[in-house]
């Protein structure tokens, strides 16, 4: 049903586009080209309805109806976005991280940079390289 309605909708779209593009504007006469209004009314000349104007009106109505029909059909078939998920699939556990408060220190001028204390492992490595044994 949706496929048929979509096909009809697309055909109506093309017919509507062609019908609108083939119509001439309201000032298509020679006087309109030079800015003259002639005997036109405020909203332009209102002549007899041509076959293109009738086709445009009918296609516009059909376009609106097929659009609403597609909208209603799409709402009827609402499906869950997770319907295809496997139920036995394990998910990663959620862990909560707590940020420990840090001490705020005032920054020193750029000329005086403070060296950070090295970790204990790095200190032991340097002593071993010099020949000292920290564990003795």
N, C-alpha and C. Protein backbone atom coordinates (compact mmCIF):
# COMPACT_ATOMS: atom_id res chain seq x y z
N UNK A 1 0.82 -1.19 0.00
CA UNK A 1 0.00 0.00 0.00
C UNK A 1 0.87 1.26 0.00
N UNK A 2 1.91 1.24 0.85
CA UNK A 2 2.79 2.40 0.93
C UNK A 2 3.55 2.59 -0.38
N UNK A 3 3.98 1.49 -0.98
CA UNK A 3 4.71 1.58 -2.24
C UNK A 3 3.85 2.17 -3.36
N UNK A 4 2.60 1.75 -3.42
CA UNK A 4 1.68 2.27 -4.44
C UNK A 4 1.43 3.76 -4.22
N UNK A 5 1.21 4.14 -2.97
CA UNK A 5 0.95 5.54 -2.66
C UNK A 5 2.19 6.41 -2.93
N UNK A 6 3.36 5.87 -2.66
CA UNK A 6 4.59 6.61 -2.94
C UNK A 6 4.77 6.81 -4.44
N UNK A 7 4.48 5.79 -5.23
CA UNK A 7 4.59 5.91 -6.68
C UNK A 7 3.62 6.96 -7.22
N UNK A 8 2.39 6.93 -6.75
CA UNK A 8 1.40 7.93 -7.18
C UNK A 8 1.85 9.33 -6.77
N UNK A 9 2.39 9.44 -5.57
CA UNK A 9 2.86 10.72 -5.06
C UNK A 9 3.97 11.29 -5.95
N UNK A 10 4.91 10.46 -6.37
CA UNK A 10 6.02 10.92 -7.20
C UNK A 10 5.53 11.34 -8.59
N UNK A 11 4.59 10.58 -9.15
CA UNK A 11 4.02 10.94 -10.45
C UNK A 11 3.31 12.29 -10.36
N UNK A 12 2.54 12.48 -9.30
CA UNK A 12 1.83 13.76 -9.11
C UNK A 12 2.84 14.91 -8.96
N UNK A 13 3.95 14.65 -8.29
CA UNK A 13 4.98 15.69 -8.14
C UNK A 13 5.50 16.14 -9.50
N UNK A 14 5.82 15.19 -10.37
CA UNK A 14 6.34 15.54 -11.69
C UNK A 14 5.31 16.28 -12.54
N UNK A 15 4.05 15.83 -12.50
CA UNK A 15 3.00 16.50 -13.26
C UNK A 15 2.80 17.92 -12.73
N UNK A 16 2.84 18.10 -11.43
CA UNK A 16 2.68 19.43 -10.84
C UNK A 16 3.82 20.36 -11.25
N UNK A 17 5.04 19.84 -11.24
CA UNK A 17 6.19 20.66 -11.64
C UNK A 17 6.05 21.11 -13.09
N UNK A 18 5.70 20.18 -13.98
CA UNK A 18 5.54 20.51 -15.39
C UNK A 18 4.41 21.51 -15.60
N UNK A 19 3.29 21.31 -14.92
CA UNK A 19 2.14 22.21 -15.08
C UNK A 19 2.47 23.62 -14.62
N UNK A 20 3.22 23.76 -13.56
CA UNK A 20 3.57 25.09 -13.06
C UNK A 20 4.57 25.77 -14.00
N UNK A 21 5.55 25.00 -14.48
CA UNK A 21 6.57 25.60 -15.33
C UNK A 21 6.05 25.98 -16.71
N UNK A 22 5.03 25.30 -17.20
CA UNK A 22 4.49 25.62 -18.52
C UNK A 22 3.56 26.82 -18.53
N UNK A 23 3.08 27.23 -17.38
CA UNK A 23 2.16 28.37 -17.33
C UNK A 23 2.91 29.67 -17.56
N UNK A 24 2.24 30.61 -18.19
CA UNK A 24 2.85 31.92 -18.41
C UNK A 24 2.52 32.81 -17.21
N UNK A 25 3.36 33.79 -16.99
CA UNK A 25 3.14 34.71 -15.88
C UNK A 25 1.97 35.63 -16.14
N UNK A 26 1.61 36.43 -15.14
CA UNK A 26 0.46 37.33 -15.28
C UNK A 26 0.77 38.50 -16.20
N UNK A 27 2.02 38.88 -16.30
CA UNK A 27 2.39 40.01 -17.16
C UNK A 27 3.15 39.51 -18.37
N UNK A 28 2.65 38.52 -19.04
CA UNK A 28 3.35 37.92 -20.15
C UNK A 28 3.09 38.64 -21.46
N UNK A 29 2.20 39.60 -21.47
CA UNK A 29 1.92 40.31 -22.72
C UNK A 29 2.98 41.38 -22.96
N UNK A 30 2.89 42.06 -24.10
CA UNK A 30 3.89 43.05 -24.49
C UNK A 30 3.90 44.26 -23.56
N UNK A 31 2.77 44.68 -23.08
CA UNK A 31 2.71 45.83 -22.18
C UNK A 31 3.37 45.51 -20.85
N UNK A 32 3.26 44.29 -20.38
CA UNK A 32 3.89 43.89 -19.12
C UNK A 32 5.39 43.87 -19.21
N UNK A 33 5.93 43.63 -20.41
CA UNK A 33 7.38 43.62 -20.59
C UNK A 33 7.99 44.99 -20.38
N UNK A 34 7.22 46.07 -20.68
CA UNK A 34 7.72 47.42 -20.53
C UNK A 34 7.17 48.12 -19.30
N UNK A 35 6.57 47.37 -18.39
CA UNK A 35 6.11 47.95 -17.14
C UNK A 35 4.71 48.51 -17.19
N UNK A 36 4.03 48.42 -18.31
CA UNK A 36 2.69 48.95 -18.40
C UNK A 36 1.68 47.96 -17.86
N UNK A 37 0.72 48.44 -17.10
CA UNK A 37 -0.28 47.56 -16.51
C UNK A 37 -1.49 47.41 -17.42
N UNK A 38 -1.72 48.39 -18.27
CA UNK A 38 -2.86 48.30 -19.18
C UNK A 38 -4.17 48.27 -18.43
N UNK A 39 -5.01 47.35 -18.77
CA UNK A 39 -6.32 47.25 -18.13
C UNK A 39 -6.33 46.19 -17.03
N UNK A 40 -5.15 45.92 -16.45
CA UNK A 40 -5.07 44.87 -15.42
C UNK A 40 -5.61 45.38 -14.10
N UNK A 41 -6.10 44.45 -13.32
CA UNK A 41 -6.59 44.79 -11.99
C UNK A 41 -5.42 44.77 -11.02
N UNK A 42 -5.70 44.95 -9.75
CA UNK A 42 -4.65 45.00 -8.74
C UNK A 42 -3.87 43.68 -8.67
N UNK A 43 -4.57 42.57 -8.78
CA UNK A 43 -3.92 41.27 -8.67
C UNK A 43 -3.60 40.66 -10.03
N UNK A 44 -3.65 41.41 -11.07
CA UNK A 44 -3.34 40.91 -12.39
C UNK A 44 -4.59 40.51 -13.13
N UNK A 45 -4.43 40.19 -14.44
CA UNK A 45 -5.60 39.83 -15.23
C UNK A 45 -6.18 38.50 -14.76
N UNK A 46 -7.47 38.43 -14.78
CA UNK A 46 -8.13 37.20 -14.33
C UNK A 46 -8.97 36.69 -15.50
N UNK A 47 -8.33 35.94 -16.37
CA UNK A 47 -9.03 35.41 -17.53
C UNK A 47 -9.67 34.08 -17.21
N UNK A 48 -10.12 33.41 -18.25
CA UNK A 48 -10.73 32.10 -18.08
C UNK A 48 -9.65 31.10 -17.65
N UNK A 49 -10.03 30.15 -16.83
CA UNK A 49 -9.09 29.15 -16.34
C UNK A 49 -8.69 28.24 -17.49
N UNK A 50 -7.38 28.12 -17.70
CA UNK A 50 -6.88 27.26 -18.76
C UNK A 50 -6.76 25.84 -18.24
N UNK A 51 -6.45 24.94 -19.16
CA UNK A 51 -6.30 23.54 -18.78
C UNK A 51 -5.11 23.37 -17.82
N UNK A 52 -4.06 24.20 -18.00
CA UNK A 52 -2.89 24.10 -17.11
C UNK A 52 -3.21 24.58 -15.70
N UNK A 53 -4.03 25.62 -15.59
CA UNK A 53 -4.37 26.10 -14.24
C UNK A 53 -5.26 25.10 -13.52
N UNK A 54 -6.14 24.43 -14.27
CA UNK A 54 -6.98 23.39 -13.65
C UNK A 54 -6.13 22.19 -13.25
N UNK A 55 -5.17 21.83 -14.11
CA UNK A 55 -4.28 20.70 -13.79
C UNK A 55 -3.43 21.01 -12.56
N UNK A 56 -2.99 22.26 -12.46
CA UNK A 56 -2.19 22.67 -11.29
C UNK A 56 -3.01 22.56 -10.02
N UNK A 57 -4.25 23.01 -10.04
CA UNK A 57 -5.11 22.95 -8.86
C UNK A 57 -5.38 21.50 -8.46
N UNK A 58 -5.69 20.66 -9.42
CA UNK A 58 -5.99 19.25 -9.12
C UNK A 58 -4.74 18.55 -8.59
N UNK A 59 -3.59 18.79 -9.23
CA UNK A 59 -2.34 18.15 -8.77
C UNK A 59 -1.95 18.63 -7.38
N UNK A 60 -2.18 19.90 -7.08
CA UNK A 60 -1.84 20.42 -5.75
C UNK A 60 -2.70 19.76 -4.68
N UNK A 61 -3.98 19.57 -4.97
CA UNK A 61 -4.87 18.90 -4.01
C UNK A 61 -4.46 17.45 -3.83
N UNK A 62 -4.18 16.76 -4.95
CA UNK A 62 -3.75 15.36 -4.87
C UNK A 62 -2.41 15.22 -4.15
N UNK A 63 -1.52 16.17 -4.36
CA UNK A 63 -0.22 16.16 -3.68
C UNK A 63 -0.40 16.25 -2.17
N UNK A 64 -1.28 17.13 -1.74
CA UNK A 64 -1.53 17.27 -0.29
C UNK A 64 -2.17 16.01 0.29
N UNK A 65 -3.10 15.42 -0.45
CA UNK A 65 -3.76 14.20 0.04
C UNK A 65 -2.79 13.02 0.12
N UNK A 66 -1.96 12.84 -0.92
CA UNK A 66 -1.00 11.73 -0.87
C UNK A 66 0.05 11.97 0.21
N UNK A 67 0.42 13.23 0.44
CA UNK A 67 1.37 13.53 1.51
C UNK A 67 0.80 13.15 2.88
N UNK A 68 -0.46 13.50 3.10
CA UNK A 68 -1.09 13.13 4.38
C UNK A 68 -1.28 11.62 4.48
N UNK A 69 -1.60 10.97 3.36
CA UNK A 69 -1.74 9.51 3.38
C UNK A 69 -0.44 8.82 3.73
N UNK A 70 0.66 9.28 3.16
CA UNK A 70 1.98 8.70 3.49
C UNK A 70 2.34 8.95 4.95
N UNK A 71 1.95 10.12 5.46
CA UNK A 71 2.23 10.44 6.86
C UNK A 71 1.45 9.50 7.78
N UNK A 72 0.19 9.27 7.46
CA UNK A 72 -0.64 8.39 8.30
C UNK A 72 -0.13 6.95 8.24
N UNK A 73 0.23 6.49 7.04
CA UNK A 73 0.75 5.13 6.92
C UNK A 73 2.09 4.95 7.64
N UNK A 74 2.90 5.98 7.65
CA UNK A 74 4.19 5.86 8.35
C UNK A 74 3.98 5.86 9.86
N UNK A 75 2.95 6.52 10.35
CA UNK A 75 2.68 6.56 11.79
C UNK A 75 2.10 5.24 12.28
N UNK A 76 1.37 4.53 11.40
CA UNK A 76 0.78 3.25 11.82
C UNK A 76 1.84 2.19 12.05
N UNK A 77 2.88 2.22 11.29
CA UNK A 77 3.91 1.19 11.39
C UNK A 77 5.05 1.57 12.29
N UNK A 78 4.76 2.23 13.41
CA UNK A 78 5.84 2.62 14.30
C UNK A 78 6.50 1.39 14.88
N UNK A 79 7.80 1.38 14.80
CA UNK A 79 8.59 0.26 15.30
C UNK A 79 9.64 0.79 16.24
N UNK A 80 10.07 -0.06 17.11
CA UNK A 80 11.11 0.33 18.04
C UNK A 80 12.45 0.35 17.31
N UNK A 81 13.28 1.29 17.65
CA UNK A 81 14.59 1.36 17.02
C UNK A 81 15.53 0.29 17.54
N UNK A 82 15.21 -0.30 18.68
CA UNK A 82 16.06 -1.35 19.24
C UNK A 82 15.43 -2.72 19.06
N UNK A 83 14.46 -2.85 18.19
CA UNK A 83 13.78 -4.13 18.01
C UNK A 83 14.73 -5.19 17.46
N UNK A 84 15.67 -4.79 16.63
CA UNK A 84 16.60 -5.73 16.03
C UNK A 84 17.76 -6.11 16.92
N UNK A 85 17.89 -5.53 18.09
CA UNK A 85 18.99 -5.84 18.98
C UNK A 85 18.84 -7.24 19.56
N UNK A 86 19.98 -7.90 19.74
CA UNK A 86 19.95 -9.22 20.34
C UNK A 86 19.78 -9.08 21.85
N UNK A 87 18.93 -9.93 22.41
CA UNK A 87 18.67 -9.82 23.85
C UNK A 87 19.79 -10.41 24.68
N UNK A 88 20.50 -11.42 24.18
CA UNK A 88 21.56 -12.08 24.94
C UNK A 88 22.87 -11.33 24.91
N UNK A 89 22.92 -10.27 24.16
CA UNK A 89 24.16 -9.52 24.02
C UNK A 89 24.46 -8.75 25.31
N UNK A 90 25.68 -8.91 25.81
CA UNK A 90 26.05 -8.22 27.04
C UNK A 90 26.54 -6.82 26.72
N UNK A 91 26.24 -5.93 27.61
CA UNK A 91 26.71 -4.57 27.43
C UNK A 91 27.79 -4.28 28.45
N UNK A 92 28.59 -3.31 28.17
CA UNK A 92 29.66 -2.95 29.09
C UNK A 92 29.06 -2.33 30.35
N UNK A 93 29.59 -2.69 31.52
CA UNK A 93 29.04 -2.11 32.75
C UNK A 93 29.34 -0.62 32.83
N UNK A 94 28.44 0.08 33.42
CA UNK A 94 28.60 1.52 33.58
C UNK A 94 29.37 1.77 34.87
N UNK A 95 30.45 2.49 34.77
CA UNK A 95 31.23 2.82 35.97
C UNK A 95 31.15 4.30 36.21
N UNK A 96 31.17 4.64 37.45
CA UNK A 96 31.09 6.04 37.81
C UNK A 96 32.46 6.51 38.25
N UNK A 97 32.94 7.57 37.68
CA UNK A 97 34.23 8.11 38.06
C UNK A 97 34.02 9.34 38.91
N UNK A 98 34.77 9.42 39.98
CA UNK A 98 34.67 10.55 40.89
C UNK A 98 35.98 11.30 40.81
N UNK A 99 35.89 12.56 40.53
CA UNK A 99 37.08 13.39 40.44
C UNK A 99 37.44 13.90 41.82
N UNK A 100 38.69 13.65 42.21
CA UNK A 100 39.14 14.10 43.51
C UNK A 100 39.49 15.58 43.42
N UNK A 101 39.19 16.31 44.47
CA UNK A 101 39.50 17.75 44.43
C UNK A 101 41.01 17.95 44.42
N UNK A 102 41.45 18.89 43.63
CA UNK A 102 42.88 19.19 43.55
C UNK A 102 43.12 20.53 44.21
N UNK A 103 44.34 20.68 44.68
CA UNK A 103 44.70 21.93 45.32
C UNK A 103 45.02 22.96 44.24
N UNK A 104 44.57 24.15 44.47
CA UNK A 104 44.86 25.21 43.51
C UNK A 104 46.00 26.05 44.05
N UNK A 105 47.01 26.22 43.24
CA UNK A 105 48.15 27.04 43.64
C UNK A 105 48.24 28.21 42.69
N UNK A 106 48.69 29.31 43.22
CA UNK A 106 48.87 30.49 42.40
C UNK A 106 50.02 30.24 41.43
N UNK A 107 49.88 30.69 40.22
CA UNK A 107 50.94 30.49 39.24
C UNK A 107 52.08 31.44 39.55
N UNK A 108 53.28 30.91 39.32
CA UNK A 108 54.45 31.73 39.52
C UNK A 108 54.79 32.41 38.21
N UNK A 109 55.56 33.48 38.26
CA UNK A 109 55.94 34.16 37.03
C UNK A 109 56.66 33.21 36.08
N UNK A 110 56.67 33.57 34.81
CA UNK A 110 57.23 32.69 33.79
C UNK A 110 58.71 32.42 34.01
N UNK A 111 59.43 33.34 34.59
CA UNK A 111 60.86 33.16 34.81
C UNK A 111 61.15 32.11 35.86
N UNK A 112 60.28 31.96 36.83
CA UNK A 112 60.48 30.99 37.91
C UNK A 112 59.57 29.81 37.68
N UNK A 113 60.11 28.75 37.14
CA UNK A 113 59.30 27.56 36.93
C UNK A 113 59.66 26.54 37.99
N UNK A 114 58.67 25.96 38.54
CA UNK A 114 58.84 25.00 39.61
C UNK A 114 58.98 23.61 39.01
N UNK A 115 59.94 22.83 39.48
CA UNK A 115 60.10 21.47 39.00
C UNK A 115 59.22 20.56 39.83
N UNK A 116 58.55 19.66 39.15
CA UNK A 116 57.69 18.71 39.82
C UNK A 116 58.54 17.61 40.45
N UNK A 117 58.16 17.12 41.61
CA UNK A 117 58.92 16.02 42.21
C UNK A 117 58.78 14.77 41.36
N UNK A 118 59.88 14.06 41.19
CA UNK A 118 59.85 12.85 40.36
C UNK A 118 59.25 11.71 41.16
N UNK A 119 58.74 10.75 40.45
CA UNK A 119 58.13 9.61 41.13
C UNK A 119 59.22 8.75 41.77
N UNK A 120 58.84 7.92 42.69
CA UNK A 120 59.78 7.09 43.44
C UNK A 120 60.51 6.12 42.52
N UNK A 121 59.82 5.59 41.53
CA UNK A 121 60.45 4.64 40.60
C UNK A 121 61.56 5.31 39.80
N UNK A 122 61.36 6.53 39.37
CA UNK A 122 62.38 7.22 38.59
C UNK A 122 63.59 7.54 39.45
N UNK A 123 63.36 7.88 40.73
CA UNK A 123 64.48 8.16 41.64
C UNK A 123 65.31 6.91 41.85
N UNK A 124 64.65 5.77 42.01
CA UNK A 124 65.37 4.51 42.20
C UNK A 124 66.16 4.14 40.95
N UNK A 125 65.61 4.39 39.77
CA UNK A 125 66.32 4.08 38.54
C UNK A 125 67.58 4.92 38.41
N UNK A 126 67.51 6.18 38.78
CA UNK A 126 68.68 7.06 38.69
C UNK A 126 69.76 6.60 39.66
N UNK A 127 69.37 6.17 40.85
CA UNK A 127 70.35 5.72 41.84
C UNK A 127 71.01 4.43 41.37
N UNK A 128 70.23 3.55 40.73
CA UNK A 128 70.81 2.30 40.23
C UNK A 128 71.80 2.59 39.10
N UNK A 129 71.51 3.60 38.27
CA UNK A 129 72.41 3.94 37.19
C UNK A 129 73.72 4.50 37.74
N UNK A 130 73.67 5.20 38.87
CA UNK A 130 74.88 5.77 39.46
C UNK A 130 75.66 4.71 40.24
N UNK A 131 75.05 3.57 40.46
CA UNK A 131 75.72 2.51 41.20
C UNK A 131 75.27 2.37 42.62
N UNK A 132 74.34 3.17 43.05
CA UNK A 132 73.83 3.08 44.41
C UNK A 132 72.67 2.09 44.42
N UNK A 133 72.51 1.37 45.49
CA UNK A 133 71.42 0.41 45.63
C UNK A 133 70.47 0.93 46.70
N UNK A 134 69.28 1.38 46.32
CA UNK A 134 68.36 1.97 47.31
C UNK A 134 67.77 0.97 48.27
N UNK A 135 67.76 -0.30 47.93
CA UNK A 135 67.12 -1.29 48.81
C UNK A 135 68.04 -1.73 49.93
N UNK A 136 69.34 -1.36 49.92
CA UNK A 136 70.27 -1.79 50.97
C UNK A 136 70.25 -0.89 52.16
